[in-house]
Amino acid sequence: MKIKAIITGATGMVGEGVLHVALADPRVEKVLVINRRSCGVQHEKLKELLHKDFHDLSAIESQLSGYNACYFCLGVSSVGMKEEQYRHLTYDLTLHVAQTLARLNPDMTFCYISGAGTDSSEQGRSMWARVKGKTENDLQKLPFKAVYNFRPGYIQPMQGMKNTLKAYKVLGFLYPLFRLIFPKYVVRLEEIGRAMLNATLEGYTKPVLECPDIVELAA
């Protein structure tokens, strides 16, 4: 089986890395990226749709069929946000996109970038963790072939990417130390991309993947 993937968030650090891993892998037949602004990447496998409102996909819905994977890397920081706003941009947006894709592509594997510390109980003190937890939980209820929630902690960026966050550039030289001391919370961006591809083709034993699971699945 060849992978036909939809990727969101390709203008962010994680999405850009996942996109480049996918384009370089011979198991991937084609990739559709949906962005608010162009990712600036050109490749024979790649098609890009520019779309402003992810809460309303009606204008592009006819172009979203025929895919067997979605790597959902779109997300925002909760810093400075009220819970209602963060929920709208995280839970509401993600579930709307996922519900549309599940209806159009029932054989799809959906991989969602969540985060270390996500609260599956939806009851904890951390606002972002509760919202992410509800997002994960409700994605699991959709009629996809499979849903995998990825919970990376520190992500070692890929060389040559345009959208690497400044903090990761500054801390990058400490990666070997982080991996040695905090192996449960550290992962390389390439490993996230490879793990998503392997999850699509091979599956995994758990729906929630912490950093050690991501590393294992990427191998």
N, C-alpha and C. Protein backbone atom coordinates (compact mmCIF):
# COMPACT_ATOMS: atom_id res chain seq x y z
N MET A 1 0.84 -1.20 0.00
CA MET A 1 0.00 0.00 0.00
C MET A 1 0.87 1.25 0.00
N LYS A 2 0.54 2.19 -0.87
CA LYS A 2 1.22 3.47 -0.90
C LYS A 2 0.44 4.47 -0.05
N ILE A 3 1.17 5.37 0.58
CA ILE A 3 0.55 6.38 1.43
C ILE A 3 0.14 7.58 0.58
N LYS A 4 -1.11 7.99 0.78
CA LYS A 4 -1.63 9.21 0.17
C LYS A 4 -2.08 10.09 1.33
N ALA A 5 -1.28 11.09 1.65
CA ALA A 5 -1.42 11.80 2.92
C ALA A 5 -1.87 13.24 2.75
N ILE A 6 -2.70 13.66 3.69
CA ILE A 6 -3.01 15.07 3.89
C ILE A 6 -2.23 15.55 5.10
N ILE A 7 -1.56 16.69 4.96
CA ILE A 7 -0.78 17.25 6.07
C ILE A 7 -1.26 18.67 6.33
N THR A 8 -1.55 18.97 7.59
CA THR A 8 -1.86 20.34 8.00
C THR A 8 -0.71 20.87 8.85
N GLY A 9 -0.58 22.18 8.88
CA GLY A 9 0.46 22.79 9.71
C GLY A 9 1.83 22.77 9.08
N ALA A 10 1.93 22.68 7.76
CA ALA A 10 3.23 22.57 7.09
C ALA A 10 4.03 23.87 7.10
N THR A 11 3.43 24.96 7.59
CA THR A 11 4.18 26.20 7.75
C THR A 11 4.69 26.35 9.19
N GLY A 12 4.50 25.33 10.01
CA GLY A 12 5.05 25.29 11.37
C GLY A 12 6.21 24.32 11.44
N MET A 13 6.90 24.29 12.57
CA MET A 13 8.10 23.48 12.71
C MET A 13 7.82 22.00 12.53
N VAL A 14 6.83 21.47 13.24
CA VAL A 14 6.56 20.04 13.17
C VAL A 14 6.01 19.65 11.80
N GLY A 15 5.04 20.40 11.32
CA GLY A 15 4.45 20.08 10.03
C GLY A 15 5.43 20.15 8.89
N GLU A 16 6.32 21.13 8.92
CA GLU A 16 7.35 21.23 7.87
C GLU A 16 8.25 20.00 7.88
N GLY A 17 8.65 19.58 9.07
CA GLY A 17 9.51 18.40 9.17
C GLY A 17 8.81 17.14 8.69
N VAL A 18 7.56 16.96 9.12
CA VAL A 18 6.79 15.78 8.70
C VAL A 18 6.62 15.79 7.18
N LEU A 19 6.36 16.95 6.61
CA LEU A 19 6.21 17.05 5.16
C LEU A 19 7.48 16.60 4.45
N HIS A 20 8.63 17.07 4.88
CA HIS A 20 9.89 16.71 4.21
C HIS A 20 10.20 15.22 4.37
N VAL A 21 9.90 14.66 5.53
CA VAL A 21 10.09 13.21 5.72
C VAL A 21 9.18 12.44 4.76
N ALA A 22 7.93 12.87 4.64
CA ALA A 22 6.98 12.19 3.77
C ALA A 22 7.40 12.27 2.30
N LEU A 23 7.82 13.43 1.86
CA LEU A 23 8.20 13.59 0.46
C LEU A 23 9.43 12.77 0.09
N ALA A 24 10.31 12.54 1.07
CA ALA A 24 11.54 11.79 0.81
C ALA A 24 11.35 10.29 0.88
N ASP A 25 10.20 9.82 1.36
CA ASP A 25 9.98 8.40 1.57
C ASP A 25 9.32 7.76 0.34
N PRO A 26 9.90 6.71 -0.20
CA PRO A 26 9.33 6.08 -1.41
C PRO A 26 7.98 5.41 -1.17
N ARG A 27 7.61 5.19 0.08
CA ARG A 27 6.31 4.59 0.38
C ARG A 27 5.16 5.58 0.23
N VAL A 28 5.50 6.86 0.08
CA VAL A 28 4.49 7.91 -0.05
C VAL A 28 4.27 8.22 -1.53
N GLU A 29 3.03 8.08 -1.97
CA GLU A 29 2.69 8.32 -3.37
C GLU A 29 2.38 9.79 -3.64
N LYS A 30 1.60 10.41 -2.73
CA LYS A 30 1.26 11.81 -2.93
C LYS A 30 0.94 12.46 -1.60
N VAL A 31 1.10 13.78 -1.57
CA VAL A 31 0.85 14.56 -0.35
C VAL A 31 0.04 15.79 -0.73
N LEU A 32 -1.00 16.03 0.04
CA LEU A 32 -1.77 17.27 -0.07
C LEU A 32 -1.56 18.07 1.21
N VAL A 33 -1.07 19.29 1.09
CA VAL A 33 -0.95 20.16 2.26
C VAL A 33 -2.04 21.22 2.17
N ILE A 34 -2.67 21.48 3.31
CA ILE A 34 -3.70 22.52 3.40
C ILE A 34 -3.15 23.59 4.33
N ASN A 35 -2.94 24.78 3.80
CA ASN A 35 -2.32 25.87 4.55
C ASN A 35 -3.10 27.16 4.36
N ARG A 36 -2.93 28.04 5.34
CA ARG A 36 -3.46 29.39 5.18
C ARG A 36 -2.53 30.24 4.31
N ARG A 37 -1.25 29.94 4.35
CA ARG A 37 -0.27 30.58 3.47
C ARG A 37 0.64 29.51 2.91
N SER A 38 1.29 29.81 1.80
CA SER A 38 2.07 28.79 1.12
C SER A 38 3.26 28.34 1.96
N CYS A 39 3.54 27.04 1.90
CA CYS A 39 4.71 26.50 2.60
C CYS A 39 5.98 26.70 1.77
N GLY A 40 5.85 27.07 0.52
CA GLY A 40 7.01 27.37 -0.31
C GLY A 40 7.78 26.16 -0.78
N VAL A 41 7.17 24.98 -0.70
CA VAL A 41 7.84 23.74 -1.11
C VAL A 41 7.25 23.29 -2.43
N GLN A 42 8.13 22.86 -3.34
CA GLN A 42 7.70 22.31 -4.61
C GLN A 42 8.26 20.90 -4.76
N HIS A 43 7.40 19.97 -5.15
CA HIS A 43 7.82 18.58 -5.31
C HIS A 43 6.80 17.88 -6.19
N GLU A 44 7.26 16.89 -6.94
CA GLU A 44 6.36 16.19 -7.86
C GLU A 44 5.23 15.45 -7.14
N LYS A 45 5.44 15.08 -5.88
CA LYS A 45 4.40 14.39 -5.10
C LYS A 45 3.42 15.36 -4.45
N LEU A 46 3.75 16.64 -4.43
CA LEU A 46 3.07 17.59 -3.56
C LEU A 46 2.04 18.44 -4.29
N LYS A 47 0.87 18.57 -3.65
CA LYS A 47 -0.15 19.54 -4.06
C LYS A 47 -0.48 20.38 -2.84
N GLU A 48 -0.67 21.68 -3.04
CA GLU A 48 -0.97 22.59 -1.94
C GLU A 48 -2.30 23.28 -2.16
N LEU A 49 -3.13 23.28 -1.14
CA LEU A 49 -4.38 24.03 -1.14
C LEU A 49 -4.26 25.16 -0.13
N LEU A 50 -4.52 26.38 -0.55
CA LEU A 50 -4.54 27.51 0.36
C LEU A 50 -5.98 27.77 0.76
N HIS A 51 -6.21 27.75 2.07
CA HIS A 51 -7.57 27.89 2.59
C HIS A 51 -7.50 28.60 3.93
N LYS A 52 -8.29 29.63 4.10
CA LYS A 52 -8.19 30.48 5.28
C LYS A 52 -8.93 29.94 6.50
N ASP A 53 -10.11 29.38 6.30
CA ASP A 53 -10.98 29.04 7.42
C ASP A 53 -11.09 27.53 7.59
N PHE A 54 -10.36 26.97 8.54
CA PHE A 54 -10.39 25.53 8.79
C PHE A 54 -11.67 25.10 9.52
N HIS A 55 -12.48 26.06 9.95
CA HIS A 55 -13.76 25.72 10.55
C HIS A 55 -14.84 25.53 9.48
N ASP A 56 -14.52 25.85 8.25
CA ASP A 56 -15.46 25.69 7.13
C ASP A 56 -14.67 25.20 5.92
N LEU A 57 -14.77 23.91 5.62
CA LEU A 57 -14.02 23.31 4.52
C LEU A 57 -14.86 23.11 3.27
N SER A 58 -16.06 23.67 3.25
CA SER A 58 -16.98 23.40 2.14
C SER A 58 -16.39 23.77 0.79
N ALA A 59 -15.60 24.82 0.72
CA ALA A 59 -15.05 25.27 -0.57
C ALA A 59 -14.02 24.31 -1.15
N ILE A 60 -13.39 23.50 -0.30
CA ILE A 60 -12.34 22.59 -0.78
C ILE A 60 -12.68 21.12 -0.54
N GLU A 61 -13.87 20.86 0.00
CA GLU A 61 -14.22 19.50 0.40
C GLU A 61 -14.11 18.51 -0.76
N SER A 62 -14.43 18.94 -1.96
CA SER A 62 -14.40 18.04 -3.12
C SER A 62 -13.00 17.55 -3.44
N GLN A 63 -11.97 18.20 -2.89
CA GLN A 63 -10.59 17.84 -3.16
C GLN A 63 -9.94 17.03 -2.04
N LEU A 64 -10.74 16.62 -1.06
CA LEU A 64 -10.19 15.95 0.12
C LEU A 64 -10.42 14.45 0.15
N SER A 65 -10.98 13.90 -0.90
CA SER A 65 -11.22 12.46 -0.97
C SER A 65 -10.04 11.74 -1.60
N GLY A 66 -9.94 10.42 -1.32
CA GLY A 66 -8.92 9.60 -1.94
C GLY A 66 -7.60 9.54 -1.19
N TYR A 67 -7.63 9.85 0.11
CA TYR A 67 -6.43 9.83 0.94
C TYR A 67 -6.58 8.80 2.05
N ASN A 68 -5.47 8.17 2.43
CA ASN A 68 -5.52 7.15 3.48
C ASN A 68 -4.75 7.54 4.74
N ALA A 69 -4.29 8.79 4.81
CA ALA A 69 -3.59 9.25 6.01
C ALA A 69 -3.78 10.75 6.16
N CYS A 70 -3.87 11.19 7.41
CA CYS A 70 -3.81 12.62 7.72
C CYS A 70 -2.82 12.81 8.86
N TYR A 71 -1.85 13.68 8.65
CA TYR A 71 -0.88 14.03 9.68
C TYR A 71 -1.21 15.45 10.13
N PHE A 72 -1.93 15.54 11.23
CA PHE A 72 -2.48 16.81 11.68
C PHE A 72 -1.49 17.50 12.61
N CYS A 73 -0.74 18.44 12.07
CA CYS A 73 0.32 19.12 12.80
C CYS A 73 -0.01 20.59 13.07
N LEU A 74 -1.24 20.97 12.82
CA LEU A 74 -1.67 22.34 13.03
C LEU A 74 -1.99 22.57 14.50
N GLY A 75 -1.49 23.68 15.05
CA GLY A 75 -1.76 23.96 16.46
C GLY A 75 -1.32 25.34 16.85
N VAL A 76 -1.80 25.80 18.00
CA VAL A 76 -1.44 27.12 18.51
C VAL A 76 -1.01 26.99 19.97
N SER A 77 -0.24 27.95 20.42
CA SER A 77 0.14 28.00 21.82
C SER A 77 -1.02 28.53 22.66
N SER A 78 -1.14 28.03 23.87
CA SER A 78 -2.20 28.50 24.77
C SER A 78 -1.80 29.75 25.54
N VAL A 79 -0.55 30.20 25.39
CA VAL A 79 -0.05 31.34 26.16
C VAL A 79 -0.88 32.58 25.87
N GLY A 80 -1.42 33.18 26.93
CA GLY A 80 -2.19 34.40 26.80
C GLY A 80 -3.62 34.21 26.35
N MET A 81 -4.08 32.98 26.20
CA MET A 81 -5.44 32.72 25.72
C MET A 81 -6.36 32.32 26.86
N LYS A 82 -7.62 32.73 26.72
CA LYS A 82 -8.68 32.21 27.58
C LYS A 82 -9.04 30.81 27.10
N GLU A 83 -9.62 30.00 27.98
CA GLU A 83 -9.93 28.62 27.62
C GLU A 83 -10.89 28.54 26.43
N GLU A 84 -11.88 29.41 26.39
CA GLU A 84 -12.85 29.37 25.29
C GLU A 84 -12.18 29.59 23.94
N GLN A 85 -11.27 30.56 23.88
CA GLN A 85 -10.57 30.83 22.63
C GLN A 85 -9.65 29.68 22.24
N TYR A 86 -8.91 29.16 23.22
CA TYR A 86 -7.99 28.06 22.93
C TYR A 86 -8.76 26.81 22.50
N ARG A 87 -9.89 26.56 23.13
CA ARG A 87 -10.70 25.41 22.75
C ARG A 87 -11.22 25.56 21.32
N HIS A 88 -11.62 26.78 20.96
CA HIS A 88 -12.12 27.00 19.60
C HIS A 88 -11.04 26.74 18.55
N LEU A 89 -9.81 27.16 18.84
CA LEU A 89 -8.72 27.03 17.88
C LEU A 89 -8.03 25.67 17.93
N THR A 90 -8.32 24.91 18.97
CA THR A 90 -7.69 23.59 19.12
C THR A 90 -8.73 22.48 18.96
N TYR A 91 -9.65 22.38 19.89
CA TYR A 91 -10.64 21.30 19.84
C TYR A 91 -11.60 21.47 18.67
N ASP A 92 -12.28 22.61 18.58
CA ASP A 92 -13.31 22.81 17.56
C ASP A 92 -12.73 22.66 16.16
N LEU A 93 -11.61 23.30 15.91
CA LEU A 93 -10.99 23.25 14.59
C LEU A 93 -10.57 21.83 14.22
N THR A 94 -9.86 21.17 15.12
CA THR A 94 -9.36 19.82 14.85
C THR A 94 -10.50 18.86 14.59
N LEU A 95 -11.53 18.90 15.44
CA LEU A 95 -12.65 17.97 15.28
C LEU A 95 -13.42 18.24 14.00
N HIS A 96 -13.55 19.50 13.61
CA HIS A 96 -14.27 19.78 12.35
C HIS A 96 -13.52 19.19 11.16
N VAL A 97 -12.21 19.41 11.11
CA VAL A 97 -11.42 18.84 10.02
C VAL A 97 -11.49 17.32 10.05
N ALA A 98 -11.32 16.74 11.23
CA ALA A 98 -11.31 15.28 11.36
C ALA A 98 -12.66 14.67 10.98
N GLN A 99 -13.75 15.29 11.42
CA GLN A 99 -15.07 14.76 11.08
C GLN A 99 -15.29 14.77 9.57
N THR A 100 -14.84 15.83 8.92
CA THR A 100 -14.97 15.91 7.46
C THR A 100 -14.16 14.82 6.78
N LEU A 101 -12.92 14.64 7.22
CA LEU A 101 -12.06 13.63 6.60
C LEU A 101 -12.55 12.21 6.88
N ALA A 102 -13.08 11.97 8.07
CA ALA A 102 -13.59 10.64 8.39
C ALA A 102 -14.79 10.29 7.50
N ARG A 103 -15.59 11.26 7.21
CA ARG A 103 -16.75 11.03 6.34
C ARG A 103 -16.31 10.74 4.91
N LEU A 104 -15.28 11.44 4.45
CA LEU A 104 -14.83 11.30 3.06
C LEU A 104 -13.87 10.13 2.86
N ASN A 105 -13.12 9.77 3.92
CA ASN A 105 -12.07 8.76 3.81
C ASN A 105 -12.12 7.80 4.99
N PRO A 106 -13.08 6.89 5.03
CA PRO A 106 -13.21 6.01 6.21
C PRO A 106 -12.04 5.06 6.41
N ASP A 107 -11.22 4.85 5.39
CA ASP A 107 -10.04 3.98 5.54
C ASP A 107 -8.79 4.77 5.95
N MET A 108 -8.98 5.99 6.42
CA MET A 108 -7.86 6.87 6.75
C MET A 108 -7.30 6.59 8.14
N THR A 109 -5.98 6.69 8.28
CA THR A 109 -5.30 6.72 9.57
C THR A 109 -5.02 8.18 9.92
N PHE A 110 -5.47 8.61 11.09
CA PHE A 110 -5.37 10.01 11.50
C PHE A 110 -4.33 10.12 12.62
N CYS A 111 -3.26 10.87 12.38
CA CYS A 111 -2.20 11.08 13.37
C CYS A 111 -2.24 12.53 13.83
N TYR A 112 -2.40 12.72 15.13
CA TYR A 112 -2.60 14.04 15.71
C TYR A 112 -1.43 14.42 16.61
N ILE A 113 -0.85 15.59 16.38
CA ILE A 113 0.20 16.10 17.25
C ILE A 113 -0.44 16.74 18.47
N SER A 114 -0.27 16.12 19.61
CA SER A 114 -0.80 16.60 20.88
C SER A 114 0.37 17.18 21.69
N GLY A 115 0.69 16.63 22.84
CA GLY A 115 1.82 17.13 23.60
C GLY A 115 2.02 16.36 24.89
N ALA A 116 3.25 16.26 25.33
CA ALA A 116 3.54 15.60 26.61
C ALA A 116 2.81 16.33 27.73
N GLY A 117 2.18 15.57 28.61
CA GLY A 117 1.43 16.16 29.70
C GLY A 117 -0.04 16.36 29.43
N THR A 118 -0.49 15.94 28.26
CA THR A 118 -1.91 16.03 27.93
C THR A 118 -2.74 15.25 28.95
N ASP A 119 -3.88 15.81 29.32
CA ASP A 119 -4.72 15.26 30.39
C ASP A 119 -5.89 14.47 29.82
N SER A 120 -5.76 13.16 29.77
CA SER A 120 -6.82 12.31 29.22
C SER A 120 -8.09 12.33 30.07
N SER A 121 -7.96 12.68 31.35
CA SER A 121 -9.13 12.72 32.22
C SER A 121 -10.00 13.94 31.96
N GLU A 122 -9.41 14.96 31.34
CA GLU A 122 -10.08 16.24 31.05
C GLU A 122 -10.46 16.99 32.32
N GLN A 123 -9.87 16.62 33.46
CA GLN A 123 -10.28 17.20 34.74
C GLN A 123 -9.17 17.94 35.47
N GLY A 124 -7.97 17.96 34.93
CA GLY A 124 -6.84 18.55 35.64
C GLY A 124 -6.83 20.06 35.68
N ARG A 125 -5.84 20.61 36.34
CA ARG A 125 -5.75 22.07 36.50
C ARG A 125 -5.28 22.78 35.24
N SER A 126 -4.48 22.12 34.44
CA SER A 126 -3.90 22.76 33.27
C SER A 126 -4.92 22.88 32.14
N MET A 127 -5.21 24.12 31.75
CA MET A 127 -6.23 24.37 30.73
C MET A 127 -5.87 23.72 29.40
N TRP A 128 -4.64 23.94 28.93
CA TRP A 128 -4.27 23.40 27.62
C TRP A 128 -4.31 21.87 27.63
N ALA A 129 -3.90 21.28 28.75
CA ALA A 129 -3.85 19.82 28.85
C ALA A 129 -5.26 19.22 28.83
N ARG A 130 -6.21 19.90 29.47
CA ARG A 130 -7.60 19.44 29.43
C ARG A 130 -8.16 19.50 28.01
N VAL A 131 -7.91 20.61 27.33
CA VAL A 131 -8.43 20.78 25.97
C VAL A 131 -7.81 19.75 25.02
N LYS A 132 -6.50 19.57 25.14
CA LYS A 132 -5.85 18.56 24.31
C LYS A 132 -6.37 17.16 24.63
N GLY A 133 -6.62 16.90 25.91
CA GLY A 133 -7.13 15.60 26.31
C GLY A 133 -8.50 15.32 25.71
N LYS A 134 -9.38 16.32 25.75
CA LYS A 134 -10.70 16.14 25.14
C LYS A 134 -10.57 15.95 23.63
N THR A 135 -9.65 16.69 23.01
CA THR A 135 -9.44 16.55 21.57
C THR A 135 -9.01 15.12 21.24
N GLU A 136 -8.03 14.60 21.98
CA GLU A 136 -7.60 13.22 21.78
C GLU A 136 -8.75 12.24 21.97
N ASN A 137 -9.47 12.41 23.06
CA ASN A 137 -10.54 11.46 23.38
C ASN A 137 -11.63 11.43 22.31
N ASP A 138 -12.00 12.60 21.81
CA ASP A 138 -13.09 12.65 20.83
C ASP A 138 -12.61 12.26 19.43
N LEU A 139 -11.35 12.44 19.14
CA LEU A 139 -10.82 11.92 17.88
C LEU A 139 -10.93 10.40 17.85
N GLN A 140 -10.72 9.77 19.00
CA GLN A 140 -10.79 8.31 19.07
C GLN A 140 -12.18 7.76 18.74
N LYS A 141 -13.18 8.61 18.88
CA LYS A 141 -14.56 8.16 18.65
C LYS A 141 -14.97 8.24 17.19
N LEU A 142 -14.15 8.86 16.36
CA LEU A 142 -14.52 9.04 14.96
C LEU A 142 -14.27 7.76 14.16
N PRO A 143 -15.01 7.56 13.07
CA PRO A 143 -14.93 6.30 12.32
C PRO A 143 -13.76 6.23 11.34
N PHE A 144 -12.56 6.51 11.82
CA PHE A 144 -11.35 6.31 11.02
C PHE A 144 -10.92 4.84 11.10
N LYS A 145 -10.05 4.44 10.21
CA LYS A 145 -9.40 3.13 10.33
C LYS A 145 -8.63 3.07 11.64
N ALA A 146 -7.91 4.17 11.97
CA ALA A 146 -7.15 4.24 13.23
C ALA A 146 -6.85 5.70 13.54
N VAL A 147 -6.72 5.99 14.83
CA VAL A 147 -6.30 7.32 15.29
C VAL A 147 -5.13 7.13 16.24
N TYR A 148 -4.07 7.91 16.01
CA TYR A 148 -2.90 7.88 16.89
C TYR A 148 -2.60 9.30 17.37
N ASN A 149 -2.50 9.47 18.69
CA ASN A 149 -2.22 10.76 19.29
C ASN A 149 -0.75 10.79 19.73
N PHE A 150 0.00 11.67 19.13
CA PHE A 150 1.44 11.79 19.38
C PHE A 150 1.67 12.87 20.44
N ARG A 151 2.43 12.49 21.49
CA ARG A 151 2.68 13.41 22.60
C ARG A 151 4.18 13.69 22.75
N PRO A 152 4.77 14.44 21.85
CA PRO A 152 6.19 14.77 22.00
C PRO A 152 6.41 15.78 23.12
N GLY A 153 7.60 15.73 23.70
CA GLY A 153 8.01 16.75 24.66
C GLY A 153 8.95 17.71 23.95
N TYR A 154 10.24 17.63 24.29
CA TYR A 154 11.23 18.41 23.54
C TYR A 154 11.46 17.75 22.19
N ILE A 155 11.41 18.55 21.12
CA ILE A 155 11.61 18.03 19.77
C ILE A 155 12.91 18.59 19.20
N GLN A 156 13.83 17.70 18.86
CA GLN A 156 15.06 18.13 18.21
C GLN A 156 14.75 18.42 16.74
N PRO A 157 14.94 19.67 16.30
CA PRO A 157 14.53 20.04 14.94
C PRO A 157 15.42 19.41 13.87
N MET A 158 14.95 19.50 12.63
CA MET A 158 15.70 19.00 11.48
C MET A 158 16.55 20.13 10.90
N GLN A 159 17.68 19.76 10.36
CA GLN A 159 18.56 20.73 9.74
C GLN A 159 17.93 21.29 8.47
N GLY A 160 18.12 22.59 8.24
CA GLY A 160 17.71 23.20 6.99
C GLY A 160 16.26 23.60 6.90
N MET A 161 15.49 23.44 7.97
CA MET A 161 14.08 23.81 7.93
C MET A 161 13.90 25.31 8.18
N LYS A 162 12.90 25.90 7.54
CA LYS A 162 12.67 27.35 7.64
C LYS A 162 11.91 27.75 8.89
N ASN A 163 11.13 26.85 9.44
CA ASN A 163 10.18 27.23 10.49
C ASN A 163 10.56 26.72 11.88
N THR A 164 11.84 26.45 12.08
CA THR A 164 12.31 26.01 13.40
C THR A 164 12.16 27.15 14.40
N LEU A 165 11.53 26.88 15.52
CA LEU A 165 11.35 27.89 16.55
C LEU A 165 12.68 28.28 17.17
N LYS A 166 12.81 29.54 17.54
CA LYS A 166 14.09 30.06 18.04
C LYS A 166 14.57 29.30 19.28
N ALA A 167 13.64 28.98 20.16
CA ALA A 167 14.03 28.28 21.39
C ALA A 167 14.70 26.95 21.07
N TYR A 168 14.20 26.25 20.05
CA TYR A 168 14.78 24.96 19.69
C TYR A 168 16.15 25.14 19.04
N LYS A 169 16.33 26.24 18.30
CA LYS A 169 17.64 26.51 17.73
C LYS A 169 18.67 26.75 18.83
N VAL A 170 18.25 27.49 19.86
CA VAL A 170 19.15 27.82 20.96
C VAL A 170 19.52 26.58 21.77
N LEU A 171 18.53 25.71 22.00
CA LEU A 171 18.73 24.55 22.86
C LEU A 171 19.25 23.32 22.11
N GLY A 172 19.33 23.41 20.80
CA GLY A 172 19.65 22.24 20.00
C GLY A 172 20.94 21.55 20.38
N PHE A 173 21.96 22.31 20.77
CA PHE A 173 23.24 21.69 21.09
C PHE A 173 23.17 20.84 22.35
N LEU A 174 22.12 21.02 23.15
CA LEU A 174 21.95 20.24 24.37
C LEU A 174 21.20 18.93 24.14
N TYR A 175 20.81 18.69 22.89
CA TYR A 175 19.99 17.51 22.60
C TYR A 175 20.60 16.20 23.10
N PRO A 176 21.89 15.91 22.87
CA PRO A 176 22.44 14.64 23.37
C PRO A 176 22.29 14.50 24.88
N LEU A 177 22.45 15.60 25.61
CA LEU A 177 22.30 15.56 27.06
C LEU A 177 20.84 15.33 27.44
N PHE A 178 19.93 16.04 26.77
CA PHE A 178 18.50 15.85 27.04
C PHE A 178 18.09 14.39 26.81
N ARG A 179 18.58 13.82 25.71
CA ARG A 179 18.19 12.45 25.37
C ARG A 179 18.72 11.47 26.41
N LEU A 180 19.89 11.77 26.95
CA LEU A 180 20.49 10.90 27.95
C LEU A 180 19.76 11.00 29.29
N ILE A 181 19.43 12.22 29.70
CA ILE A 181 18.85 12.44 31.02
C ILE A 181 17.33 12.29 31.03
N PHE A 182 16.68 12.73 29.94
CA PHE A 182 15.21 12.73 29.88
C PHE A 182 14.72 11.94 28.67
N PRO A 183 15.05 10.67 28.55
CA PRO A 183 14.67 9.91 27.35
C PRO A 183 13.16 9.79 27.14
N LYS A 184 12.39 9.94 28.21
CA LYS A 184 10.94 9.81 28.09
C LYS A 184 10.28 11.07 27.54
N TYR A 185 11.07 12.15 27.40
CA TYR A 185 10.48 13.43 27.00
C TYR A 185 11.19 14.07 25.82
N VAL A 186 12.01 13.32 25.11
CA VAL A 186 12.81 13.88 24.03
C VAL A 186 12.65 13.03 22.78
N VAL A 187 12.51 13.68 21.65
CA VAL A 187 12.35 12.98 20.38
C VAL A 187 12.89 13.85 19.26
N ARG A 188 13.34 13.24 18.19
CA ARG A 188 13.79 13.98 17.02
C ARG A 188 12.61 14.15 16.06
N LEU A 189 12.60 15.28 15.37
CA LEU A 189 11.51 15.56 14.44
C LEU A 189 11.42 14.51 13.34
N GLU A 190 12.57 14.03 12.86
CA GLU A 190 12.54 12.96 11.85
C GLU A 190 11.82 11.72 12.38
N GLU A 191 11.97 11.45 13.68
CA GLU A 191 11.33 10.27 14.26
C GLU A 191 9.81 10.43 14.29
N ILE A 192 9.33 11.63 14.51
CA ILE A 192 7.90 11.86 14.46
C ILE A 192 7.37 11.56 13.06
N GLY A 193 8.06 12.09 12.04
CA GLY A 193 7.62 11.85 10.67
C GLY A 193 7.64 10.38 10.30
N ARG A 194 8.73 9.69 10.62
CA ARG A 194 8.83 8.27 10.29
C ARG A 194 7.79 7.45 11.06
N ALA A 195 7.56 7.80 12.31
CA ALA A 195 6.58 7.08 13.11
C ALA A 195 5.18 7.24 12.53
N MET A 196 4.85 8.41 12.02
CA MET A 196 3.54 8.62 11.40
C MET A 196 3.39 7.75 10.16
N LEU A 197 4.42 7.69 9.34
CA LEU A 197 4.37 6.84 8.14
C LEU A 197 4.22 5.37 8.54
N ASN A 198 4.99 4.94 9.53
CA ASN A 198 4.92 3.54 9.96
C ASN A 198 3.57 3.21 10.61
N ALA A 199 3.00 4.18 11.33
CA ALA A 199 1.67 3.96 11.91
C ALA A 199 0.63 3.74 10.83
N THR A 200 0.78 4.47 9.73
CA THR A 200 -0.17 4.33 8.62
C THR A 200 -0.09 2.95 7.99
N LEU A 201 1.12 2.45 7.81
CA LEU A 201 1.31 1.18 7.10
C LEU A 201 1.27 -0.04 8.01
N GLU A 202 1.72 0.11 9.25
CA GLU A 202 1.88 -1.04 10.14
C GLU A 202 1.00 -0.99 11.38
N GLY A 203 0.49 0.20 11.72
CA GLY A 203 -0.27 0.35 12.95
C GLY A 203 0.65 0.39 14.16
N TYR A 204 0.02 0.48 15.34
CA TYR A 204 0.77 0.47 16.60
C TYR A 204 -0.13 -0.10 17.68
N THR A 205 0.47 -0.53 18.76
CA THR A 205 -0.27 -1.24 19.81
C THR A 205 -1.09 -0.32 20.71
N LYS A 206 -0.77 1.00 20.69
CA LYS A 206 -1.45 1.94 21.57
C LYS A 206 -1.91 3.16 20.78
N PRO A 207 -3.05 3.76 21.15
CA PRO A 207 -3.52 4.95 20.44
C PRO A 207 -2.81 6.23 20.87
N VAL A 208 -2.19 6.22 22.05
CA VAL A 208 -1.45 7.38 22.55
C VAL A 208 0.03 7.05 22.58
N LEU A 209 0.83 7.87 21.89
CA LEU A 209 2.26 7.60 21.78
C LEU A 209 3.05 8.68 22.51
N GLU A 210 3.70 8.28 23.61
CA GLU A 210 4.65 9.16 24.27
C GLU A 210 5.99 9.07 23.53
N CYS A 211 6.97 9.84 23.96
CA CYS A 211 8.24 9.89 23.23
C CYS A 211 8.88 8.51 23.02
N PRO A 212 8.97 7.64 24.04
CA PRO A 212 9.55 6.31 23.80
C PRO A 212 8.79 5.51 22.74
N ASP A 213 7.47 5.69 22.69
CA ASP A 213 6.67 4.98 21.68
C ASP A 213 6.97 5.52 20.29
N ILE A 214 7.12 6.84 20.19
CA ILE A 214 7.44 7.46 18.90
C ILE A 214 8.79 6.95 18.39
N VAL A 215 9.77 6.90 19.28
CA VAL A 215 11.11 6.42 18.91
C VAL A 215 11.03 4.96 18.47
N GLU A 216 10.29 4.14 19.21
CA GLU A 216 10.16 2.73 18.87
C GLU A 216 9.49 2.55 17.51
N LEU A 217 8.40 3.26 17.28
CA LEU A 217 7.68 3.10 16.03
C LEU A 217 8.47 3.64 14.84
N ALA A 218 9.32 4.62 15.07
CA ALA A 218 10.13 5.20 13.99
C ALA A 218 11.26 4.29 13.55
N ALA A 219 11.68 3.38 14.44
CA ALA A 219 12.86 2.55 14.16
C ALA A 219 12.60 1.60 13.00
